[in-house]
Amino acid sequence: MLQKLIQICFLIACLLLTSYAQSVQNSADICKDSPLDSVFSWANDYIITQDSPLYSAPIQGCNLPTELKKGSEIKVLSGNDKFLLIQFQEPSNGAITQGYIQADSARLKAFSFDFYFTLVCMVFVLLLGRYIISKTKILQDYNIPEPVVGGILVALLILCIYQFFHIECKFDTSLKDPLMLAFFSSIGLSADFASLKKGGRMLVIFLLVVTCLLFLQNFIGVGVSYIMGQSPLLGMLGGSITMSGGHGTGAAWADIFKASPYNFGAATEVALACATFGLVMGGLVGGPTARYLIKKYNLNIPGKEHNDDNPHGFETPTKERLITPISFVESLALIALCLLIGTLLNDLSKNIFPGFNLPTFVYCLFVGVVLRNGLSMLNIHQVFDREVSVLGNVSLSLFLAFAMMTLNLWELWALALPMIVILSAQGLCMVLFAIFVTFRFCGRDYDAAVLAAGHCGFGLGATPTAMVNMQTVTSHYGPSHMAFIIVPLVGAFFIDLINAIVIQSMLQLLPL
């Protein structure tokens, strides 16, 4: 009897152990990774909308000891309507962690487009702008650049996506700097020493005019701030820091204003918003200003030649040589050499003179000048002006298309009333200054009108905006070699140095 009881107990124990082992096996099988639907690489930037546990498998019972906090940014690898397989970086140690979250605890944060899609968008912006301008007489009459027209429309579309769906659009930036540097290299390769000597006196005059505007912009910004009861730092950021300095100068000074002793917490947002406004406004007012001056004073316009496809060059050199594959490669090689040497000189300058930093395109521009004149004097190679002009214009157009279509226009929506008043006053001031000061002091001729258009560009936005303004004017009316020598020199070499001195002087005068 006892033996049978022992056998029964043994049998029951075996059954229990078997059942437990099976349950453990089932639990392990449940928490194994399960295949989910893949997601597009350009739509995998998500953000956590509520605190969410992390799972080892798409089953709620398979929790990991990690919880994702609201606002955390993640990469989604695959998913369905219930679970997402995600990857995120630990903020504490930078380690990459992978797991599952519930699908309703995150939302799409941004579309991240790759190099190829970005390039297609840039070309589309140019074609869209060209088409709209060809159908709109007022845009033709007022010389509004193609990248500005197409870029603003695309930027407005992106703004609508952001406002209604809270999704940003991120583009690949790998082409941005090379295009800008290629354009300024082409400017250097198009300049000879004789032209630089011709610009000597006019260069000094234009530099003095630009310096006066720097002070005026700061007086307007600070004055409006005081009138409206705001911090004078807000006026400084809405003055020459961003109007003549652009995004880079604005961001640099914003970091200074956020620290002690200024402690202006919103400096970065204000600076970027002002620079964005200036970039848009600078591209809009330059062409109309030049048109007004040319029509009002009936200026003598130099003749120009057109190619069969009506190219939009910043200058129209005479047709002396045909563009061939070999000559094209030679010109492209010169521009590439300018980029290489220019970037090396920039790095070398930062190491030797850490407190003296010029933009990289300054070095590329003057490498181009040295190459152009050195090769010519040594009878090694004659630069093909028209070909270099084509390469430079393509680079500039694509660069401006990218800059315009990636504007975060929603930053302008966040501006308070004082900022709107300051920026409106700056735009009006720039137009009046270009008409009554820049044009008059620079000779009251066609070159002066083109200089006025360029001054509107970098006096409100950036030097590339000035160049595209002048490119649009000269493609419509005729070449102005003087303007395309003076504006890059002032905008590249002198404006940042003088602006820094002006800003420091103003800060010393302000009762902060």
Foldseek 3Di string as FASTA:
>chain_A
DVVVVVVVVVVVVVVVVVVVVVVVVVVVVQLDEDDFAFDDPQFFKKFFQAWWFFASYLDVVRTDPDIDHGGFIWGFGGHDQFKTWIWHADPPPRDIDIGMTTPVRMDTQEGEEEDVVLLVLLVVQQVVLVVVCVVDVVCLLLLQFSLLVSLQVLQVVQLVCCVPVVYHYHYDCPLQVLLVLLLLLLLLLLDEVVLVVVLVVLLVLLLVLLLVQQLVQLCLLQVLCVVVVHDSVLSLLLGCQQFQVALVSQQVVLVVCCDPPNVPPCSNLSNLLQQLLLQSLLSRVLSNLLSCLCVVVVFDFDDADADPVLDLFLAGDDPDDDDDPVLLVVLVVSSVVLLVVLVVVQVVCCVVPVPDHFDSSVSSNNSSNCVQHVCVVVVNDHRDSVSSRVSSVVSLSSNSSSVSNNRNNVSNVPDDPSSVVSSVVQSVVLSVSLNPPQCVSSPSHSLSSLLSSLCSNSSRHANSSSSSSSSSNCSSGHHRSSSSVSSCCCRGPPSVVSSVVSSVVVVVVDPD
